[in-house]
Amino acid sequence: MEKKRSNADAEQFLKSVLDTLPMRVFWKDTDSNFVGANNLFLNDLKVASLAELIGKNDYHFTLNKKESEAFQRDDREVMESGVAKLGIEEPQSIKGEATRWLRTNKMPLTDKHGKVIGLVGTYEDITEQVNYRKEIELQALIDPLTKLANRRKLQQKIDLFTGECAGLLFIDLDYFKSVNDSLGHFIGDLLLTLVAARLKKIALDKGGLVARLGGDEFSIFVPLENHPQYQMKMAKLAGAVIDELLQPFEVDSHVLNIGASIGITMMTGKDAEYTKAFREADMAMYVAKEKGRGNFQFYNETMRLETERKHLVQQHLHLAIEAGEFSLVFQPQVNTQGDVIGAEALLRWHNAELGMVAPDEFIPLAEETGLIHKLGKWVFESSMETLVRFQEANNIHPDFKLAINVSSKQFRNLNIVSEVEHAIVSRGLSPNNVQIEITESLLIDNKDIAVRSMLKLQSLGVSIAIDDFGTGYSSLAYIANLPIDKLKIDRSFITDLHLKSTSRKLVDTLVNMSKSLHLEVIAEGVENKQERDVLIDLGCSQFQGYLFSQPVPADKLIKDFLA
């Protein structure tokens, strides 16, 4: 009797211990049926007594069949291997309760001979931890300003894509920077949220995911059913985005007008790769920008080759000056008597790997990378060295001017006037023999800065010419009040001038209006006597072109024209 009382006391003591533990405890037989549990476990399963639990398994209590299968699978693994399985994170769905998350441990139970006779399990409720972690993970995938998916979320979407075909749009807002610069980042941020809302509406209609990549860059990823849909559907989507973003935005009492340039590329499920896709879409977007903004372009292989070429040229460009790869050639400018009254300095670049690289290829790259200032300074210094040699030839025309092209980006350098003055004066040259050639775009893009520098240069005695006049947006009326000394009529008006009555009328107007403004006029690109004769008839007295000479090294110009 006393022994029975002792066993009962021991069982009661064990139950007290198990019910006191701050975790759920259960044990099962080899068939994964419950044999026992503590009160916390019974409470979780909504079981009133241990008798309602014993002999039943997970399928009796868990709503989700897949969860029960996972529980049973772990049971078998532990009991068959005899090795504990610890720290299992798993969901548990009980009727009438929100799904909770558990961190479970399962250990094999053995008899005194080491035979597995079941398992004992414990778990703790980690629902709060899991929900917090999910919230953190969610925040890491969401752009905090627009609440759109961010770059990381979009990358996940693309990396997991296994469909046949998908399209990717890379959207860059046009003129957004001017909003930020003029109205501030607060208004800029409000504008971005409105842009996001419009893009989201369009993307949802097409079954796509819209993401903000950062700054004023967005993207839309659209799964498609097949390849034939790609071109048509993506063009329609891109067109809808452009049209929508062209509509005015009302932001805090401001009416703002922007737009978008879009690059598009295609992916297939078997090779969908985030980095490659964005590189292609980005290339296409920059082509859209170059074509005047407000349009979309599909990526193609030519873009890749051009981008690789651009990267290669840019790499060599950084070393070209120190490597002595640049040189100058000079094209003489003559008057009606055939006297050489000037010459234009033209930059040439020969690289051992690339061969001859055209100025219209490397000059934009130099401007884009900021190398134009260093390169422009080299051109001017070298031109002044050559001008010294021209004057030493002792047969130079008294009104001879060496014309040097200056990029619009160079005019943003506030030291350009002092650099020009030093290059001239330090060599004992006269500023009257120096002419700066600028393009019309400089007057449009940087008028205030340009005019200040031009006035200072003129005060030194340096003259100013507008190159390629007639091909841009300015007019004689526009430049009438600007500090200009000479106009160069673009070759497009000169070619076959004797055969084109319209070109003849335009040149006649340019020459006469220039004279009325007391501006010199020179025609470039003169290639035959007929063109020259018409120009003379129209009152133009200065010429430059292959009829007189192609661009030549300084030594040849001196020998053929100045000796």
Protein backbone atom coordinates (compact mmCIF):
# COMPACT_ATOMS: atom_id res chain seq x y z
CA MET A 1 0.00 0.00 0.00
CA GLU A 2 2.81 2.32 0.87
CA LYS A 3 4.57 1.49 -2.43
CA LYS A 4 1.43 2.41 -4.43
CA ARG A 5 1.23 5.64 -2.52
CA SER A 6 4.88 6.31 -3.31
CA ASN A 7 4.34 5.72 -7.06
CA ALA A 8 1.32 7.99 -7.03
CA ASP A 9 3.32 10.68 -5.31
CA ALA A 10 6.10 10.30 -7.89
CA GLU A 11 3.66 10.59 -10.79
CA GLN A 12 2.04 13.64 -9.24
CA PHE A 13 5.44 15.16 -8.68
CA LEU A 14 6.45 14.51 -12.32
CA LYS A 15 3.18 16.04 -13.54
CA SER A 16 3.80 19.11 -11.40
CA VAL A 17 7.28 19.44 -12.85
CA LEU A 18 6.03 19.11 -16.45
CA ASP A 19 3.18 21.56 -15.89
CA THR A 20 5.57 24.06 -14.35
CA LEU A 21 7.96 24.08 -17.33
CA PRO A 22 7.55 27.22 -19.51
CA MET A 23 7.30 25.10 -22.65
CA ARG A 24 5.02 22.54 -24.20
CA VAL A 25 5.96 18.91 -23.59
CA PHE A 26 4.48 15.81 -25.27
CA TRP A 27 5.47 12.22 -25.92
CA LYS A 28 4.37 9.67 -28.49
CA ASP A 29 4.56 5.94 -29.16
CA THR A 30 6.21 4.40 -32.22
CA ASP A 31 3.01 4.95 -34.25
CA SER A 32 3.18 8.70 -33.55
CA ASN A 33 0.12 8.52 -31.32
CA PHE A 34 0.12 10.76 -28.28
CA VAL A 35 0.84 9.03 -24.97
CA GLY A 36 1.12 12.06 -22.72
CA ALA A 37 1.61 15.84 -22.49
CA ASN A 38 1.73 18.72 -20.07
CA ASN A 39 -1.07 21.25 -19.55
CA LEU A 40 0.44 23.94 -21.82
CA PHE A 41 0.39 21.47 -24.72
CA LEU A 42 -3.22 20.45 -23.95
CA ASN A 43 -4.24 24.12 -23.84
CA ASP A 44 -2.67 24.81 -27.24
CA LEU A 45 -4.65 21.90 -28.76
CA LYS A 46 -7.87 23.02 -27.02
CA VAL A 47 -8.03 19.65 -25.20
CA ALA A 48 -9.78 19.60 -21.82
CA SER A 49 -8.09 16.49 -20.41
CA LEU A 50 -5.25 14.06 -21.08
CA ALA A 51 -7.77 11.32 -21.83
CA GLU A 52 -8.94 13.28 -24.93
CA LEU A 53 -5.36 13.29 -26.24
CA ILE A 54 -4.03 9.79 -25.60
CA GLY A 55 -4.21 7.46 -28.60
CA LYS A 56 -4.77 10.26 -31.11
CA ASN A 57 -2.29 11.80 -33.55
CA ASP A 58 -1.58 15.18 -35.20
CA TYR A 59 -4.23 14.70 -37.90
CA HIS A 60 -6.95 14.87 -35.17
CA PHE A 61 -5.96 18.37 -34.09
CA THR A 62 -4.21 20.18 -36.91
CA LEU A 63 -6.34 21.82 -39.63
CA ASN A 64 -3.63 21.83 -42.25
CA LYS A 65 -2.93 18.34 -43.64
CA LYS A 66 0.51 19.33 -44.90
CA GLU A 67 1.49 20.48 -41.42
CA SER A 68 0.42 17.10 -39.96
CA GLU A 69 2.39 15.27 -42.62
CA ALA A 70 5.47 17.30 -41.73
CA PHE A 71 5.03 16.51 -38.01
CA GLN A 72 4.72 12.78 -38.74
CA ARG A 73 7.70 12.84 -41.11
CA ASP A 74 9.90 14.34 -38.40
CA ASP A 75 8.63 11.71 -35.94
CA ARG A 76 9.67 8.85 -38.22
CA GLU A 77 13.06 10.41 -38.91
CA VAL A 78 13.83 10.72 -35.18
CA MET A 79 12.59 7.25 -34.23
CA GLU A 80 14.19 5.45 -37.19
CA SER A 81 17.55 7.17 -36.79
CA GLY A 82 17.60 7.31 -33.01
CA VAL A 83 19.00 10.85 -33.34
CA ALA A 84 17.33 13.95 -31.90
CA LYS A 85 16.07 16.69 -34.24
CA LEU A 86 16.32 20.11 -32.64
CA GLY A 87 15.21 23.67 -33.42
CA ILE A 88 12.58 22.85 -36.04
CA GLU A 89 10.70 26.03 -37.03
CA GLU A 90 7.21 25.11 -38.18
CA PRO A 91 3.66 26.48 -38.30
CA GLN A 92 0.73 25.00 -36.36
CA SER A 93 -2.91 25.58 -37.33
CA ILE A 94 -5.53 24.74 -34.70
CA LYS A 95 -9.26 25.27 -35.23
CA GLY A 96 -10.42 28.60 -33.86
CA GLU A 97 -6.89 29.89 -33.43
CA ALA A 98 -4.58 32.03 -35.54
CA THR A 99 -1.67 30.07 -36.99
CA ARG A 100 1.19 30.02 -34.51
CA TRP A 101 4.86 29.32 -35.13
CA LEU A 102 6.76 26.76 -33.08
CA ARG A 103 10.40 25.97 -32.42
CA THR A 104 10.26 22.21 -31.81
CA ASN A 105 12.73 19.67 -30.43
CA LYS A 106 12.13 15.91 -30.81
CA MET A 107 14.23 13.26 -29.05
CA PRO A 108 13.94 9.45 -29.25
CA LEU A 109 12.67 7.56 -26.17
CA THR A 110 14.39 4.22 -25.44
CA ASP A 111 13.86 1.39 -22.98
CA LYS A 112 16.57 -0.02 -20.72
CA HIS A 113 17.86 -2.11 -23.62
CA GLY A 114 18.26 0.94 -25.90
CA LYS A 115 15.29 0.09 -28.09
CA VAL A 116 13.32 3.09 -29.37
CA ILE A 117 9.84 2.97 -27.89
CA GLY A 118 8.67 6.43 -28.95
CA LEU A 119 9.77 10.07 -28.74
CA VAL A 120 9.46 13.03 -26.45
CA GLY A 121 8.98 16.49 -27.84
CA THR A 122 9.08 20.05 -26.61
CA TYR A 123 8.32 23.32 -28.29
CA GLU A 124 8.06 27.01 -27.55
CA ASP A 125 5.74 29.51 -29.22
CA ILE A 126 7.87 31.84 -31.37
CA THR A 127 4.98 33.44 -33.27
CA GLU A 128 5.89 36.94 -32.11
CA GLN A 129 9.52 36.49 -33.14
CA VAL A 130 8.59 35.09 -36.56
CA ASN A 131 6.07 37.88 -37.24
CA TYR A 132 8.65 40.50 -36.27
CA ARG A 133 11.23 38.88 -38.52
CA LYS A 134 8.76 38.78 -41.39
CA GLU A 135 7.98 42.45 -40.86
CA ILE A 136 11.68 43.30 -41.00
CA GLU A 137 12.09 41.18 -44.12
CA LEU A 138 9.07 42.85 -45.69
CA GLN A 139 10.46 46.30 -44.95
CA ALA A 140 13.72 45.25 -46.59
CA LEU A 141 11.76 44.55 -49.78
CA ILE A 142 9.64 47.72 -49.83
CA ASP A 143 10.64 51.23 -50.86
CA PRO A 144 9.82 53.35 -47.78
CA LEU A 145 8.79 56.45 -49.75
CA THR A 146 6.48 55.02 -52.42
CA LYS A 147 5.60 51.68 -50.74
CA LEU A 148 6.41 49.97 -54.02
CA ALA A 149 8.64 46.93 -54.28
CA ASN A 150 12.31 47.90 -54.15
CA ARG A 151 15.24 46.69 -56.22
CA ARG A 152 15.83 43.67 -53.96
CA LYS A 153 12.20 42.53 -54.22
CA LEU A 154 12.27 42.88 -57.99
CA GLN A 155 15.49 40.89 -58.12
CA GLN A 156 13.85 38.10 -56.15
CA LYS A 157 10.88 38.14 -58.51
CA ILE A 158 13.11 37.84 -61.57
CA ASP A 159 15.39 35.20 -60.07
CA LEU A 160 12.39 33.01 -59.21
CA PHE A 161 10.73 33.45 -62.62
CA THR A 162 10.43 30.20 -64.56
CA GLY A 163 7.81 31.14 -67.15
CA GLU A 164 8.33 31.13 -70.90
CA CYS A 165 8.79 34.86 -71.38
CA ALA A 166 8.73 38.17 -69.50
CA GLY A 167 9.34 41.82 -70.28
CA LEU A 168 11.27 44.34 -68.18
CA LEU A 169 10.85 48.10 -68.42
CA PHE A 170 13.52 50.46 -67.08
CA ILE A 171 11.86 53.85 -66.55
CA ASP A 172 13.83 57.05 -65.98
CA LEU A 173 11.87 60.25 -65.32
CA ASP A 174 12.63 63.19 -67.59
CA TYR A 175 13.19 66.63 -66.05
CA PHE A 176 12.75 65.36 -62.48
CA LYS A 177 16.09 66.87 -61.44
CA SER A 178 14.86 70.35 -62.32
CA VAL A 179 11.89 69.83 -59.95
CA ASN A 180 14.23 68.84 -57.10
CA ASP A 181 16.62 71.70 -57.84
CA SER A 182 13.95 74.40 -58.13
CA LEU A 183 11.29 73.30 -55.62
CA GLY A 184 13.26 71.13 -53.21
CA HIS A 185 13.31 67.47 -52.20
CA PHE A 186 10.03 67.65 -50.27
CA ILE A 187 8.09 68.47 -53.45
CA GLY A 188 10.25 65.99 -55.35
CA ASP A 189 9.32 63.21 -52.92
CA LEU A 190 5.62 64.04 -53.18
CA LEU A 191 5.93 63.90 -56.95
CA LEU A 192 7.58 60.48 -56.76
CA THR A 193 4.68 59.10 -54.70
CA LEU A 194 2.21 60.32 -57.34
CA VAL A 195 4.32 58.80 -60.11
CA ALA A 196 4.38 55.53 -58.17
CA ALA A 197 0.58 55.50 -57.87
CA ARG A 198 0.15 55.99 -61.61
CA LEU A 199 2.68 53.31 -62.46
CA LYS A 200 1.12 50.88 -60.02
CA LYS A 201 -2.30 51.32 -61.62
CA ILE A 202 -0.87 50.68 -65.09
CA ALA A 203 1.19 47.68 -63.92
CA LEU A 204 -1.74 46.05 -62.13
CA ASP A 205 -3.82 46.30 -65.29
CA LYS A 206 -1.10 44.36 -67.10
CA GLY A 207 -0.41 41.85 -64.33
CA GLY A 208 3.03 43.32 -63.68
CA LEU A 209 5.13 44.23 -60.66
CA VAL A 210 6.24 47.85 -60.42
CA ALA A 211 9.30 48.75 -58.36
CA ARG A 212 11.23 51.86 -57.47
CA LEU A 213 14.92 51.27 -58.05
CA GLY A 214 16.08 54.48 -56.40
CA GLY A 215 16.08 58.19 -57.18
CA ASP A 216 13.78 58.81 -60.13
CA GLU A 217 14.21 55.33 -61.62
CA PHE A 218 11.39 52.79 -61.72
CA SER A 219 10.88 49.39 -63.31
CA ILE A 220 7.98 47.17 -64.33
CA PHE A 221 8.31 43.38 -64.65
CA VAL A 222 5.58 41.68 -66.70
CA PRO A 223 5.26 37.87 -67.14
CA LEU A 224 3.98 36.95 -70.61
CA GLU A 225 2.42 33.83 -72.04
CA ASN A 226 4.65 33.57 -75.09
CA HIS A 227 7.31 35.30 -77.18
CA PRO A 228 5.00 36.70 -79.90
CA GLN A 229 3.28 38.80 -77.23
CA TYR A 230 6.51 40.51 -76.17
CA GLN A 231 6.97 43.27 -78.73
CA MET A 232 3.31 44.24 -78.94
CA LYS A 233 2.48 44.09 -75.23
CA MET A 234 5.63 45.84 -74.07
CA ALA A 235 5.23 48.61 -76.66
CA LYS A 236 1.65 49.12 -75.52
CA LEU A 237 2.68 49.17 -71.86
CA ALA A 238 5.59 51.57 -72.43
CA GLY A 239 3.35 53.85 -74.49
CA ALA A 240 0.78 53.89 -71.69
CA VAL A 241 3.47 54.81 -69.14
CA ILE A 242 4.79 57.65 -71.30
CA ASP A 243 1.30 59.02 -71.98
CA GLU A 244 0.34 58.82 -68.29
CA LEU A 245 3.50 60.54 -67.05
CA LEU A 246 3.11 63.33 -69.60
CA GLN A 247 -0.13 64.34 -67.88
CA PRO A 248 0.43 67.23 -65.42
CA PHE A 249 0.91 66.49 -61.72
CA GLU A 250 -0.62 68.73 -59.06
CA VAL A 251 1.77 68.81 -56.11
CA ASP A 252 1.23 71.16 -53.18
CA SER A 253 -0.21 74.00 -55.33
CA HIS A 254 2.36 73.39 -58.08
CA VAL A 255 1.46 72.03 -61.51
CA LEU A 256 4.43 69.96 -62.66
CA ASN A 257 5.19 68.49 -66.08
CA ILE A 258 7.67 65.70 -66.49
CA GLY A 259 7.90 62.65 -68.75
CA ALA A 260 9.79 59.40 -69.05
CA SER A 261 12.38 57.62 -71.17
CA ILE A 262 12.08 53.83 -71.19
CA GLY A 263 14.32 50.90 -72.07
CA ILE A 264 12.81 47.45 -72.62
CA THR A 265 14.31 43.98 -72.66
CA MET A 266 12.97 40.42 -72.77
CA MET A 267 13.74 37.47 -70.49
CA THR A 268 12.94 33.79 -70.75
CA GLY A 269 12.41 31.51 -67.78
CA LYS A 270 15.42 29.36 -68.46
CA ASP A 271 17.88 32.25 -68.48
CA ALA A 272 16.12 35.05 -66.57
CA GLU A 273 18.94 36.79 -64.73
CA TYR A 274 18.56 40.07 -62.88
CA THR A 275 21.93 41.68 -63.60
CA LYS A 276 21.86 40.89 -67.31
CA ALA A 277 18.26 42.04 -67.71
CA PHE A 278 18.86 45.37 -66.04
CA ARG A 279 22.06 45.99 -67.94
CA GLU A 280 20.18 45.51 -71.21
CA ALA A 281 17.16 47.60 -70.18
CA ASP A 282 19.49 50.33 -68.92
CA MET A 283 21.32 50.42 -72.26
CA ALA A 284 18.02 50.75 -74.10
CA MET A 285 16.89 53.53 -71.77
CA TYR A 286 20.01 55.59 -72.48
CA VAL A 287 19.39 55.21 -76.20
CA ALA A 288 15.87 56.55 -75.58
CA LYS A 289 17.41 59.54 -73.76
CA GLU A 290 19.80 60.18 -76.63
CA LYS A 291 16.91 60.13 -79.09
CA GLY A 292 15.32 63.10 -77.40
CA ARG A 293 13.60 61.65 -74.32
CA GLY A 294 9.92 60.85 -74.00
CA ASN A 295 10.20 57.63 -75.99
CA PHE A 296 10.94 53.94 -75.51
CA GLN A 297 13.52 51.66 -77.10
CA PHE A 298 13.86 47.87 -77.24
CA TYR A 299 17.25 46.41 -76.39
CA ASN A 300 19.12 44.83 -79.30
CA GLU A 301 22.57 43.37 -79.91
CA THR A 302 23.81 46.55 -81.58
CA MET A 303 23.35 48.40 -78.30
CA ARG A 304 25.54 45.87 -76.54
CA LEU A 305 28.30 46.22 -79.09
CA GLU A 306 28.09 50.01 -78.98
CA THR A 307 28.19 49.98 -75.18
CA GLU A 308 31.22 47.69 -75.15
CA ARG A 309 32.91 49.96 -77.69
CA LYS A 310 32.07 53.02 -75.59
CA HIS A 311 33.51 51.37 -72.48
CA LEU A 312 36.69 50.42 -74.34
CA VAL A 313 37.14 53.91 -75.79
CA GLN A 314 36.55 55.42 -72.37
CA GLN A 315 39.22 53.20 -70.80
CA HIS A 316 41.84 54.27 -73.35
CA LEU A 317 40.74 57.91 -73.22
CA HIS A 318 41.83 58.23 -69.58
CA LEU A 319 45.43 57.44 -70.56
CA ALA A 320 45.58 59.03 -74.00
CA ILE A 321 46.96 62.48 -73.06
CA GLU A 322 49.82 61.13 -70.96
CA ALA A 323 50.54 58.54 -73.66
CA GLY A 324 50.92 61.29 -76.27
CA GLU A 325 48.20 59.83 -78.49
CA PHE A 326 46.54 63.13 -79.38
CA SER A 327 47.66 65.42 -82.17
CA LEU A 328 46.42 68.52 -83.95
CA VAL A 329 45.84 69.11 -87.63
CA PHE A 330 44.98 72.45 -89.17
CA GLN A 331 42.64 73.38 -92.01
CA PRO A 332 43.44 76.72 -93.64
CA GLN A 333 40.85 79.45 -94.07
CA VAL A 334 41.19 81.67 -97.14
CA ASN A 335 39.72 84.86 -98.59
CA THR A 336 38.61 85.63 -102.16
CA GLN A 337 42.23 86.45 -103.12
CA GLY A 338 43.40 83.05 -101.92
CA ASP A 339 45.27 84.46 -98.92
CA VAL A 340 45.38 82.24 -95.83
CA ILE A 341 43.72 84.44 -93.23
CA GLY A 342 43.43 81.76 -90.58
CA ALA A 343 43.26 78.09 -89.73
CA GLU A 344 41.09 75.86 -87.60
CA ALA A 345 42.80 73.54 -85.13
CA LEU A 346 41.23 70.07 -85.24
CA LEU A 347 41.90 67.32 -82.71
CA ARG A 348 42.89 63.81 -83.78
CA TRP A 349 43.37 60.65 -81.70
CA HIS A 350 45.26 57.56 -82.76
CA ASN A 351 45.38 54.60 -80.38
CA ALA A 352 47.44 51.47 -80.98
CA GLU A 353 44.48 49.18 -80.24
CA LEU A 354 41.57 51.28 -81.50
CA GLY A 355 43.23 52.91 -84.47
CA MET A 356 41.92 56.36 -85.44
CA VAL A 357 39.03 57.38 -83.20
CA ALA A 358 36.69 60.02 -84.62
CA PRO A 359 36.14 63.23 -82.61
CA ASP A 360 32.37 62.77 -82.67
CA GLU A 361 32.98 59.50 -80.77
CA PHE A 362 35.50 60.57 -78.14
CA ILE A 363 34.53 64.22 -77.53
CA PRO A 364 31.07 63.34 -76.07
CA LEU A 365 32.79 60.74 -73.85
CA ALA A 366 35.33 63.32 -72.69
CA GLU A 367 32.46 65.65 -71.82
CA GLU A 368 30.55 62.90 -70.04
CA THR A 369 33.53 61.87 -67.91
CA GLY A 370 34.84 65.36 -67.19
CA LEU A 371 38.07 64.73 -69.12
CA ILE A 372 37.10 67.51 -71.52
CA HIS A 373 38.65 70.13 -69.22
CA LYS A 374 42.05 68.43 -69.21
CA LEU A 375 41.81 67.64 -72.91
CA GLY A 376 40.62 71.15 -73.78
CA LYS A 377 43.52 72.68 -71.88
CA TRP A 378 45.96 70.44 -73.79
CA VAL A 379 44.40 71.50 -77.10
CA PHE A 380 44.70 75.18 -76.28
CA GLU A 381 48.26 74.95 -75.00
CA SER A 382 49.31 72.91 -78.07
CA SER A 383 47.51 75.31 -80.40
CA MET A 384 49.39 78.27 -78.90
CA GLU A 385 52.68 76.43 -79.35
CA THR A 386 51.78 75.94 -83.00
CA LEU A 387 50.72 79.58 -83.40
CA VAL A 388 54.23 80.57 -82.30
CA ARG A 389 55.61 78.43 -85.15
CA PHE A 390 53.16 79.95 -87.64
CA GLN A 391 54.30 83.45 -86.73
CA GLU A 392 57.95 82.42 -87.00
CA ALA A 393 57.29 81.51 -90.63
CA ASN A 394 57.29 85.30 -91.32
CA ASN A 395 54.69 85.00 -94.06
CA ILE A 396 51.59 85.10 -91.89
CA HIS A 397 48.65 87.32 -92.88
CA PRO A 398 48.31 90.38 -90.60
CA ASP A 399 44.72 89.36 -89.79
CA PHE A 400 45.55 85.66 -89.32
CA LYS A 401 43.47 83.96 -86.63
CA LEU A 402 43.90 80.48 -85.25
CA ALA A 403 40.43 79.10 -84.48
CA ILE A 404 40.11 76.69 -81.56
CA ASN A 405 36.94 74.76 -80.73
CA VAL A 406 35.77 74.99 -77.13
CA SER A 407 33.16 72.61 -75.75
CA SER A 408 30.12 73.94 -73.91
CA LYS A 409 31.24 71.88 -70.90
CA GLN A 410 34.57 73.77 -70.90
CA PHE A 411 32.71 77.05 -70.53
CA ARG A 412 31.38 75.82 -67.18
CA ASN A 413 34.97 76.03 -65.95
CA LEU A 414 35.15 79.40 -64.22
CA ASN A 415 38.92 79.49 -64.82
CA ILE A 416 38.70 79.20 -68.60
CA VAL A 417 39.36 82.90 -69.22
CA SER A 418 42.48 82.98 -67.04
CA GLU A 419 43.74 79.74 -68.61
CA VAL A 420 43.30 81.16 -72.12
CA GLU A 421 44.98 84.43 -71.14
CA HIS A 422 47.95 82.62 -69.58
CA ALA A 423 48.42 80.35 -72.60
CA ILE A 424 48.53 83.39 -74.91
CA VAL A 425 50.50 85.91 -72.84
CA SER A 426 53.10 83.45 -71.53
CA ARG A 427 54.19 82.82 -75.12
CA GLY A 428 54.27 86.47 -76.12
CA LEU A 429 51.37 86.05 -78.53
CA SER A 430 48.66 88.55 -79.41
CA PRO A 431 45.08 87.70 -78.46
CA ASN A 432 44.05 89.27 -81.78
CA ASN A 433 45.40 86.17 -83.53
CA VAL A 434 43.20 83.83 -81.49
CA GLN A 435 39.59 82.92 -82.14
CA ILE A 436 37.35 80.74 -79.99
CA GLU A 437 34.72 78.65 -81.81
CA ILE A 438 31.60 77.68 -79.90
CA THR A 439 28.40 75.86 -80.87
CA GLU A 440 24.85 77.18 -80.75
CA SER A 441 23.93 74.69 -78.02
CA LEU A 442 26.26 76.49 -75.62
CA LEU A 443 24.20 79.65 -75.99
CA ILE A 444 21.00 77.75 -75.35
CA ASP A 445 22.14 75.61 -72.40
CA ASN A 446 24.50 77.95 -70.55
CA LYS A 447 23.72 81.42 -71.84
CA ASP A 448 24.45 83.45 -68.69
CA ILE A 449 27.73 81.70 -67.86
CA ALA A 450 28.77 81.66 -71.52
CA VAL A 451 28.10 85.36 -72.10
CA ARG A 452 30.16 86.40 -69.08
CA SER A 453 33.12 84.34 -70.26
CA MET A 454 32.72 85.52 -73.85
CA LEU A 455 32.75 89.19 -72.81
CA LYS A 456 35.90 88.66 -70.76
CA LEU A 457 37.62 86.90 -73.66
CA GLN A 458 36.66 89.71 -76.03
CA SER A 459 38.04 92.26 -73.57
CA LEU A 460 41.38 90.45 -73.91
CA GLY A 461 41.20 90.76 -77.69
CA VAL A 462 40.14 87.17 -78.44
CA SER A 463 37.36 86.95 -81.04
CA ILE A 464 34.33 84.62 -80.83
CA ALA A 465 32.83 82.59 -83.68
CA ILE A 466 29.72 80.42 -83.76
CA ASP A 467 30.45 77.10 -85.44
CA ASP A 468 27.95 75.19 -87.62
CA PHE A 469 25.50 78.08 -87.55
CA GLY A 470 22.02 77.24 -88.81
CA THR A 471 21.89 73.66 -87.52
CA GLY A 472 20.71 74.50 -84.00
CA TYR A 473 17.81 76.44 -82.52
CA SER A 474 19.14 79.98 -82.32
CA SER A 475 18.52 82.68 -84.88
CA LEU A 476 20.26 85.86 -85.96
CA ALA A 477 17.67 87.79 -83.97
CA TYR A 478 18.60 85.78 -80.88
CA ILE A 479 22.34 86.34 -81.19
CA ALA A 480 22.08 90.02 -82.22
CA ASN A 481 22.83 91.13 -78.67
CA LEU A 482 25.44 88.49 -77.90
CA PRO A 483 29.22 89.07 -78.01
CA ILE A 484 29.83 87.35 -81.37
CA ASP A 485 32.37 88.32 -84.02
CA LYS A 486 31.91 85.71 -86.72
CA LEU A 487 29.43 83.13 -88.03
CA LYS A 488 30.48 79.89 -89.70
CA ILE A 489 27.81 78.74 -92.14
CA ASP A 490 27.39 75.00 -91.75
CA ARG A 491 28.53 72.76 -94.60
CA SER A 492 25.03 71.30 -94.94
CA PHE A 493 23.99 74.62 -96.56
CA ILE A 494 27.09 74.75 -98.76
CA THR A 495 27.07 71.27 -100.32
CA ASP A 496 25.83 71.54 -103.95
CA LEU A 497 24.92 75.17 -103.30
CA HIS A 498 25.03 75.86 -107.03
CA LEU A 499 22.34 73.23 -107.58
CA LYS A 500 19.96 74.06 -104.71
CA SER A 501 17.95 77.25 -104.95
CA THR A 502 16.61 76.89 -101.40
CA SER A 503 20.12 76.64 -99.93
CA ARG A 504 21.15 79.64 -102.03
CA LYS A 505 18.33 81.75 -100.59
CA LEU A 506 19.17 80.69 -97.03
CA VAL A 507 22.87 81.50 -97.44
CA ASP A 508 21.98 84.85 -99.07
CA THR A 509 19.82 85.70 -96.05
CA LEU A 510 22.53 84.65 -93.57
CA VAL A 511 25.23 86.66 -95.30
CA ASN A 512 23.17 89.84 -95.60
CA MET A 513 21.81 89.72 -92.06
CA SER A 514 25.29 89.01 -90.68
CA LYS A 515 26.66 92.04 -92.48
CA SER A 516 23.86 94.17 -91.05
CA LEU A 517 24.94 93.00 -87.59
CA HIS A 518 28.61 93.72 -88.44
CA LEU A 519 29.54 90.07 -88.17
CA GLU A 520 32.14 88.33 -90.32
CA VAL A 521 30.94 85.28 -92.23
CA ILE A 522 32.88 82.21 -93.30
CA ALA A 523 31.53 79.23 -95.19
CA GLU A 524 32.86 75.79 -94.24
CA GLY A 525 32.79 72.61 -96.27
CA VAL A 526 33.51 74.28 -99.62
CA GLU A 527 34.53 71.43 -101.93
CA ASN A 528 34.39 72.79 -105.48
CA LYS A 529 34.76 76.00 -107.48
CA GLN A 530 31.05 76.19 -108.29
CA GLU A 531 30.18 76.39 -104.59
CA ARG A 532 32.88 79.02 -104.03
CA ASP A 533 31.72 81.12 -106.99
CA VAL A 534 28.12 81.17 -105.75
CA LEU A 535 29.33 82.18 -102.28
CA ILE A 536 31.34 85.03 -103.76
CA ASP A 537 28.27 86.17 -105.73
CA LEU A 538 26.30 86.16 -102.48
CA GLY A 539 28.88 88.34 -100.73
CA CYS A 540 30.70 85.72 -98.67
CA SER A 541 34.45 86.38 -98.72
CA GLN A 542 35.92 83.75 -96.39
CA PHE A 543 36.06 80.03 -97.06
CA GLN A 544 37.21 76.74 -95.57
CA GLY A 545 37.05 73.31 -97.14
CA TYR A 546 38.65 70.60 -99.26
CA LEU A 547 38.73 72.88 -102.31
CA PHE A 548 41.62 74.67 -100.60
CA SER A 549 43.04 71.98 -98.35
CA GLN A 550 42.05 69.13 -96.13
CA PRO A 551 43.23 69.34 -92.49
CA VAL A 552 47.02 68.89 -92.43
CA PRO A 553 49.80 68.75 -89.81
CA ALA A 554 51.36 72.06 -88.80
CA ASP A 555 54.59 71.39 -90.75
CA LYS A 556 52.68 70.87 -94.00
CA LEU A 557 50.52 73.95 -93.49
CA ILE A 558 53.64 76.03 -92.91
CA LYS A 559 55.39 74.54 -95.96
CA ASP A 560 52.41 74.83 -98.35
CA PHE A 561 50.82 78.08 -97.18
CA LEU A 562 53.06 80.11 -94.85
CA ALA A 563 56.63 79.57 -96.04
